């Protein structure tokens, strides 16, 4: 209710300004414990225990400033980043656009973040007073790097001690040439380097590696990514990132360059999830993301094969309370359809 009252004022601000205020607002909120594990929505994926399957996608908290505050709002897990080795200003502004009529967002941010050193300082502080709650760290390469594979390997080594899982972002459309790393030969070499970097990390545990894929893939590309993910024994595939496609949109910002997210991506992302489910034969967990705004949206992804779901764009329109709303709705949908657990419902369509 509070967010619905604040939203008209926030929407008079430039989207990036409003985004910074949202991060600042979360940091100022009283510390609240994340959802407790053991309820009806609890599930285990890639060796990690999740209190509920609703996660905050990467892109909202690029620098890891408020992951625990986000989980205090009801998210079962939070993914920060993408973080690159060196600070990066990203693409020129304006680079973030609300498509209010379409309940969508277009961004061409370009991996803007303060770099690994600044992130590590915050993560070290978090480690000392850490609450329970699953933290993913999404890693990327610098735009002007001479060796992007080396960047990813370095980030895996640096971030593994602080992550419950590492997420590999090679599917953003806003860094030229990045999506080329999704090709089979390039992907295998990249994953080998990342897994080697993770093995060199000074950490007692070994965080699983999740790979985030684009929704704009051919059937052949889906098959090759699925083969690589299974061969390298990745922890999960995150399906899918923003799209470069432009379905029918009504906003004046419809033709801006960048990745489209939000409601118009829902059908495409669901189809992509089903395709990866068929390609992997349920041999690897899938995380559904793209256009999820309601419990019914989340439930359809779970029934289609997602073990977990993530959202970001819908939070812009509904506020951080959306996590609790979706989690509560999932509990009711489980009961309605006769499932005793999330794991039991995965792929049941």
Protein backbone atom coordinates (compact mmCIF):
# COMPACT_ATOMS: atom_id res chain seq x y z
CA UNK A 1 0.00 0.00 0.00
CA UNK A 2 2.82 2.39 0.87
CA UNK A 3 4.55 1.74 -2.44
CA UNK A 4 1.33 2.28 -4.40
CA UNK A 5 1.09 5.73 -2.79
CA UNK A 6 4.74 6.53 -3.52
CA UNK A 7 4.86 5.19 -7.07
CA UNK A 8 3.33 8.22 -8.88
CA UNK A 9 5.97 10.47 -7.35
CA UNK A 10 8.77 8.00 -8.10
CA UNK A 11 7.64 7.73 -11.70
CA UNK A 12 8.10 11.47 -12.18
CA UNK A 13 11.82 10.89 -11.63
CA UNK A 14 14.29 9.57 -14.18
CA UNK A 15 14.35 5.76 -13.92
CA UNK A 16 17.96 5.61 -12.73
CA UNK A 17 17.29 8.23 -10.06
CA UNK A 18 14.30 6.27 -8.82
CA UNK A 19 16.39 3.11 -8.83
CA UNK A 20 19.06 4.70 -6.64
CA UNK A 21 16.35 5.87 -4.25
CA UNK A 22 15.00 2.31 -4.07
CA UNK A 23 18.42 0.95 -3.10
CA UNK A 24 18.84 3.74 -0.54
CA UNK A 25 15.37 3.06 0.86
CA UNK A 26 16.14 -0.63 1.35
CA UNK A 27 19.37 0.23 3.14
CA UNK A 28 17.47 2.49 5.56
CA UNK A 29 14.82 -0.08 6.44
CA UNK A 30 15.04 -1.81 9.82
CA UNK A 31 16.97 -5.07 9.61
CA UNK A 32 14.56 -7.94 9.08
CA UNK A 33 15.41 -11.62 8.99
CA UNK A 34 14.98 -13.40 5.65
CA UNK A 35 12.21 -15.98 5.29
CA UNK A 36 12.81 -18.96 7.59
CA UNK A 37 13.63 -22.28 5.98
CA UNK A 38 11.23 -25.14 6.63
CA UNK A 39 7.88 -23.81 5.42
CA UNK A 40 5.74 -25.32 2.66
CA UNK A 41 7.70 -23.49 -0.05
CA UNK A 42 11.13 -24.66 1.12
CA UNK A 43 13.14 -26.39 -1.57
CA UNK A 44 16.66 -27.63 -2.23
CA UNK A 45 18.42 -26.83 -5.50
CA UNK A 46 22.08 -27.42 -6.42
CA UNK A 47 22.81 -28.39 -2.84
CA UNK A 48 21.42 -25.11 -1.47
CA UNK A 49 18.40 -24.72 0.81
CA UNK A 50 15.93 -22.03 -0.25
CA UNK A 51 13.19 -20.81 2.11
CA UNK A 52 10.99 -20.09 -0.89
CA UNK A 53 11.56 -20.23 -4.65
CA UNK A 54 11.08 -16.51 -5.35
CA UNK A 55 14.37 -14.70 -5.99
CA UNK A 56 15.50 -11.19 -6.84
CA UNK A 57 17.19 -11.22 -10.24
CA UNK A 58 20.54 -9.64 -11.01
CA UNK A 59 20.48 -6.06 -12.23
CA UNK A 60 18.63 -4.46 -9.35
CA UNK A 61 21.47 -4.54 -6.83
CA UNK A 62 24.48 -4.32 -9.10
CA UNK A 63 27.01 -3.59 -6.36
CA UNK A 64 25.72 -5.80 -3.55
CA UNK A 65 24.51 -2.91 -1.41
CA UNK A 66 21.29 -4.39 -0.03
CA UNK A 67 20.88 -8.15 -0.66
CA UNK A 68 19.93 -8.95 2.93
CA UNK A 69 17.44 -6.08 3.02
CA UNK A 70 15.84 -7.51 -0.13
CA UNK A 71 15.59 -10.94 1.46
CA UNK A 72 14.08 -9.27 4.50
CA UNK A 73 11.25 -8.20 2.18
CA UNK A 74 10.41 -11.85 1.50
CA UNK A 75 12.71 -12.95 -1.31
CA UNK A 76 13.97 -16.50 -0.86
CA UNK A 77 17.28 -15.54 -2.41
CA UNK A 78 18.97 -12.53 -3.99
CA UNK A 79 21.44 -12.26 -6.85
CA UNK A 80 23.72 -9.25 -6.98
CA UNK A 81 25.69 -7.93 -9.97
CA UNK A 82 26.80 -8.15 -12.63
CA UNK A 83 30.17 -7.31 -11.10
CA UNK A 84 33.28 -6.88 -13.27
CA UNK A 85 36.96 -6.90 -12.28
CA UNK A 86 37.41 -3.14 -12.77
CA UNK A 87 34.91 -0.34 -12.16
CA UNK A 88 32.86 0.40 -15.24
CA UNK A 89 30.65 3.40 -15.94
CA UNK A 90 28.49 1.60 -18.48
CA UNK A 91 26.80 3.09 -21.51
CA UNK A 92 25.87 6.78 -21.89
CA UNK A 93 22.66 8.03 -20.29
CA UNK A 94 19.76 7.81 -20.75
CA UNK A 95 20.03 4.02 -20.70
CA UNK A 96 17.04 2.87 -18.65
CA UNK A 97 13.45 3.34 -19.79
CA UNK A 98 10.09 2.55 -18.19
CA UNK A 99 7.44 1.38 -20.63
CA UNK A 100 4.53 2.01 -18.29
CA UNK A 101 1.76 1.17 -20.76
CA UNK A 102 3.43 -2.20 -21.39
CA UNK A 103 4.56 -2.83 -17.79
CA UNK A 104 8.02 -3.32 -19.19
CA UNK A 105 11.56 -1.94 -19.05
CA UNK A 106 14.26 -1.43 -21.65
CA UNK A 107 17.83 -1.11 -20.45
CA UNK A 108 21.19 -0.71 -22.08
CA UNK A 109 23.12 -0.19 -18.86
CA UNK A 110 26.31 -1.93 -20.00
CA UNK A 111 27.50 -3.66 -16.80
CA UNK A 112 27.82 -0.41 -14.85
CA UNK A 113 29.26 -1.21 -11.41
CA UNK A 114 31.99 -0.14 -9.01
CA UNK A 115 34.18 -3.17 -9.63
CA UNK A 116 35.38 -6.20 -7.71
CA UNK A 117 37.41 -4.39 -5.06
CA UNK A 118 34.47 -2.28 -3.87
CA UNK A 119 32.15 -5.29 -3.92
CA UNK A 120 34.59 -7.38 -1.91
CA UNK A 121 34.74 -4.74 0.81
CA UNK A 122 30.96 -4.90 1.21
CA UNK A 123 30.90 -8.70 1.03
CA UNK A 124 33.57 -9.04 3.69
CA UNK A 125 31.50 -6.84 5.98
CA UNK A 126 28.42 -8.94 5.20
CA UNK A 127 30.30 -12.19 5.94
CA UNK A 128 31.04 -11.02 9.49
CA UNK A 129 27.39 -10.45 10.39
CA UNK A 130 25.74 -12.65 7.84
CA UNK A 131 22.10 -13.60 8.12
CA UNK A 132 20.81 -16.81 6.66
CA UNK A 133 19.69 -16.41 3.08
CA UNK A 134 21.03 -17.57 -0.27
CA UNK A 135 23.23 -15.02 -2.05
CA UNK A 136 24.13 -15.34 -5.71
CA UNK A 137 26.91 -13.26 -7.23
CA UNK A 138 26.55 -12.56 -10.93
CA UNK A 139 29.93 -12.00 -12.59
CA UNK A 140 30.86 -10.38 -15.87
CA UNK A 141 33.78 -9.15 -17.94
CA UNK A 142 34.87 -5.58 -18.56
CA UNK A 143 33.76 -4.18 -21.90
CA UNK A 144 37.29 -3.18 -22.99
CA UNK A 145 39.04 -6.27 -21.60
CA UNK A 146 41.71 -7.83 -23.81
CA UNK A 147 40.78 -11.27 -22.42
CA UNK A 148 37.18 -11.67 -21.28
CA UNK A 149 37.65 -15.34 -20.41
CA UNK A 150 40.42 -14.34 -17.99
CA UNK A 151 38.09 -11.74 -16.47
CA UNK A 152 35.47 -14.39 -15.72
CA UNK A 153 38.07 -16.76 -14.26
CA UNK A 154 39.41 -14.00 -12.02
CA UNK A 155 35.93 -13.06 -10.83
CA UNK A 156 35.12 -16.68 -10.04
CA UNK A 157 38.24 -16.90 -7.88
CA UNK A 158 37.55 -13.60 -6.11
CA UNK A 159 33.83 -14.06 -5.49
CA UNK A 160 33.58 -17.78 -4.71
CA UNK A 161 34.41 -17.35 -0.99
CA UNK A 162 31.46 -14.97 -0.56
CA UNK A 163 28.83 -16.56 -2.80
CA UNK A 164 26.31 -19.31 -2.21
CA UNK A 165 26.31 -19.60 -5.99
CA UNK A 166 28.10 -17.89 -8.87
CA UNK A 167 26.03 -16.75 -11.86
CA UNK A 168 27.74 -16.35 -15.22
CA UNK A 169 26.34 -13.54 -17.36
CA UNK A 170 27.22 -14.00 -21.02
CA UNK A 171 23.71 -13.21 -22.24
CA UNK A 172 23.40 -9.45 -21.77
CA UNK A 173 22.73 -7.75 -25.12
CA UNK A 174 24.37 -4.52 -23.95
CA UNK A 175 28.06 -5.49 -24.16
CA UNK A 176 29.14 -5.94 -27.78
CA UNK A 177 30.24 -9.49 -28.58
CA UNK A 178 29.33 -10.90 -25.17
CA UNK A 179 26.61 -13.25 -26.43
CA UNK A 180 29.13 -14.86 -28.77
CA UNK A 181 30.50 -16.66 -25.69
CA UNK A 182 27.31 -18.77 -25.73
CA UNK A 183 28.65 -20.68 -28.79
CA UNK A 184 29.58 -24.28 -27.98
CA UNK A 185 33.35 -24.12 -28.39
CA UNK A 186 33.65 -20.71 -26.77
CA UNK A 187 31.31 -21.72 -23.94
CA UNK A 188 33.24 -24.88 -23.09
CA UNK A 189 36.50 -22.94 -22.89
CA UNK A 190 34.87 -20.25 -20.76
CA UNK A 191 33.32 -22.73 -18.34
CA UNK A 192 36.62 -24.59 -17.97
CA UNK A 193 38.35 -21.33 -17.05
CA UNK A 194 35.61 -20.37 -14.58
CA UNK A 195 35.63 -23.77 -12.90
CA UNK A 196 39.42 -23.58 -12.65
CA UNK A 197 39.19 -20.09 -11.14
CA UNK A 198 36.64 -21.33 -8.62
CA UNK A 199 38.92 -24.21 -7.65
CA UNK A 200 41.70 -21.72 -6.90
CA UNK A 201 39.53 -19.71 -4.50
CA UNK A 202 40.42 -19.71 -0.85
CA UNK A 203 37.13 -21.05 0.45
CA UNK A 204 35.97 -24.03 2.44
CA UNK A 205 32.90 -24.60 0.29
CA UNK A 206 32.57 -24.80 -3.48
CA UNK A 207 29.66 -22.67 -4.70
CA UNK A 208 27.77 -24.11 -7.67
CA UNK A 209 27.97 -22.27 -10.98
CA UNK A 210 24.74 -21.13 -12.66
CA UNK A 211 24.69 -20.00 -16.29
CA UNK A 212 22.30 -17.26 -17.43
CA UNK A 213 21.18 -17.66 -21.05
CA UNK A 214 19.49 -15.40 -23.57
CA UNK A 215 15.93 -15.99 -24.77
CA UNK A 216 16.98 -15.23 -28.36
CA UNK A 217 18.51 -18.61 -29.16
CA UNK A 218 18.08 -21.00 -32.07
CA UNK A 219 17.19 -24.67 -31.34
CA UNK A 220 20.77 -25.61 -32.21
CA UNK A 221 22.16 -23.08 -29.76
CA UNK A 222 19.85 -24.37 -27.02
CA UNK A 223 21.04 -27.92 -27.62
CA UNK A 224 24.73 -26.95 -27.53
CA UNK A 225 24.31 -24.92 -24.32
CA UNK A 226 22.42 -27.80 -22.73
CA UNK A 227 25.21 -30.22 -23.65
CA UNK A 228 27.87 -27.95 -22.21
CA UNK A 229 25.93 -27.35 -18.99
CA UNK A 230 25.39 -31.06 -18.44
CA UNK A 231 28.96 -31.97 -19.37
CA UNK A 232 30.45 -29.39 -17.01
CA UNK A 233 27.97 -30.33 -14.26
CA UNK A 234 26.73 -26.80 -13.72
CA UNK A 235 24.41 -26.15 -10.80
CA UNK A 236 21.57 -24.59 -12.83
CA UNK A 237 20.59 -22.67 -15.93
CA UNK A 238 18.88 -19.28 -15.51
CA UNK A 239 16.32 -18.94 -18.32
CA UNK A 240 16.31 -16.20 -19.57
CA UNK A 241 17.90 -12.75 -19.79
CA UNK A 242 16.38 -9.73 -21.55
CA UNK A 243 15.41 -9.94 -25.21
CA UNK A 244 16.45 -7.89 -28.22
CA UNK A 245 13.13 -8.72 -29.89
CA UNK A 246 10.39 -6.12 -29.96
CA UNK A 247 6.87 -7.53 -29.72
CA UNK A 248 3.89 -5.22 -30.11
CA UNK A 249 4.48 -2.37 -27.66
CA UNK A 250 2.59 0.86 -27.06
CA UNK A 251 5.04 2.98 -25.08
CA UNK A 252 6.84 5.92 -26.67
CA UNK A 253 10.10 4.20 -25.62
CA UNK A 254 9.31 1.01 -27.53
CA UNK A 255 12.08 1.51 -30.10
CA UNK A 256 14.90 2.29 -27.69
CA UNK A 257 17.94 0.02 -28.07
CA UNK A 258 18.70 -2.45 -25.31
CA UNK A 259 17.25 -5.47 -23.59
CA UNK A 260 13.50 -5.67 -23.05
CA UNK A 261 12.16 -7.13 -19.81
CA UNK A 262 8.82 -7.26 -18.02
CA UNK A 263 5.38 -8.38 -19.13
CA UNK A 264 6.06 -8.55 -22.91
CA UNK A 265 8.84 -11.09 -22.27
CA UNK A 266 6.58 -13.53 -20.37
CA UNK A 267 5.48 -15.80 -23.21
CA UNK A 268 8.91 -15.89 -24.86
CA UNK A 269 10.69 -16.69 -21.60
CA UNK A 270 8.19 -19.45 -20.79
CA UNK A 271 8.69 -21.01 -24.21
CA UNK A 272 12.46 -20.79 -23.76
CA UNK A 273 12.18 -22.53 -20.39
CA UNK A 274 10.16 -25.37 -21.91
CA UNK A 275 12.73 -25.73 -24.69
CA UNK A 276 15.59 -26.01 -22.20
CA UNK A 277 13.58 -28.49 -20.14
CA UNK A 278 13.27 -30.70 -23.22
CA UNK A 279 16.93 -30.22 -24.17
CA UNK A 280 18.26 -31.10 -20.71
CA UNK A 281 15.80 -33.88 -19.95
CA UNK A 282 15.47 -32.53 -16.40
CA UNK A 283 19.16 -33.30 -15.93
CA UNK A 284 19.92 -29.83 -14.54
CA UNK A 285 17.81 -27.44 -12.45
CA UNK A 286 16.28 -24.49 -14.29
CA UNK A 287 15.52 -21.04 -12.88
CA UNK A 288 12.68 -19.23 -14.63
CA UNK A 289 12.96 -15.48 -15.13
CA UNK A 290 11.37 -12.97 -17.49
CA UNK A 291 7.94 -11.39 -17.19
CA UNK A 292 7.04 -12.90 -13.83
CA UNK A 293 4.69 -10.58 -11.93
CA UNK A 294 2.14 -12.81 -10.15
CA UNK A 295 1.94 -16.09 -8.28
CA UNK A 296 0.25 -17.59 -11.33
CA UNK A 297 3.20 -16.52 -13.50
CA UNK A 298 5.63 -18.13 -11.06
CA UNK A 299 3.51 -21.28 -10.80
CA UNK A 300 3.39 -21.70 -14.58
CA UNK A 301 7.22 -21.58 -14.68
CA UNK A 302 7.48 -24.15 -11.91
CA UNK A 303 4.96 -26.45 -13.59
CA UNK A 304 6.93 -26.00 -16.85
CA UNK A 305 10.18 -27.12 -15.22
CA UNK A 306 11.65 -24.29 -13.12
CA UNK A 307 12.90 -25.21 -9.66
CA UNK A 308 13.18 -21.51 -8.77
CA UNK A 309 12.02 -18.21 -10.25
CA UNK A 310 13.42 -14.68 -10.30
CA UNK A 311 11.99 -11.24 -10.98
CA UNK A 312 13.06 -7.62 -11.13
CA UNK A 313 11.00 -5.53 -13.57
CA UNK A 314 7.69 -6.34 -11.86
CA UNK A 315 9.09 -4.94 -8.61
CA UNK A 316 9.38 -1.54 -10.30
CA UNK A 317 5.61 -1.53 -10.76
CA UNK A 318 4.52 -3.39 -7.61
CA UNK A 319 7.21 -2.61 -5.02
CA UNK A 320 9.34 -4.98 -2.91
CA UNK A 321 6.26 -6.48 -1.24
CA UNK A 322 5.75 -8.46 -4.44
CA UNK A 323 7.98 -11.25 -3.10
CA UNK A 324 5.72 -11.98 -0.13
CA UNK A 325 2.62 -11.66 -2.31
CA UNK A 326 3.90 -14.22 -4.81
CA UNK A 327 5.13 -16.58 -2.10
CA UNK A 328 1.74 -16.50 -0.38
CA UNK A 329 0.00 -17.10 -3.69
CA UNK A 330 2.26 -20.06 -4.46
CA UNK A 331 1.28 -21.67 -1.17
CA UNK A 332 -2.38 -21.45 -2.16
CA UNK A 333 -1.72 -22.74 -5.68
CA UNK A 334 0.19 -25.72 -4.31
CA UNK A 335 -2.75 -26.62 -2.09
CA UNK A 336 -5.25 -26.08 -4.90
CA UNK A 337 -3.40 -28.42 -7.23
CA UNK A 338 -2.60 -31.04 -4.61
CA UNK A 339 1.18 -30.72 -4.35
CA UNK A 340 3.00 -31.21 -1.07
CA UNK A 341 6.20 -29.45 -2.15
CA UNK A 342 7.67 -27.21 -4.81
CA UNK A 343 10.00 -30.00 -5.93
CA UNK A 344 7.01 -32.26 -6.57
CA UNK A 345 5.42 -29.63 -8.83
CA UNK A 346 8.53 -28.94 -10.96
CA UNK A 347 7.84 -30.00 -14.55
CA UNK A 348 4.41 -31.40 -13.70
CA UNK A 349 2.58 -29.72 -16.60
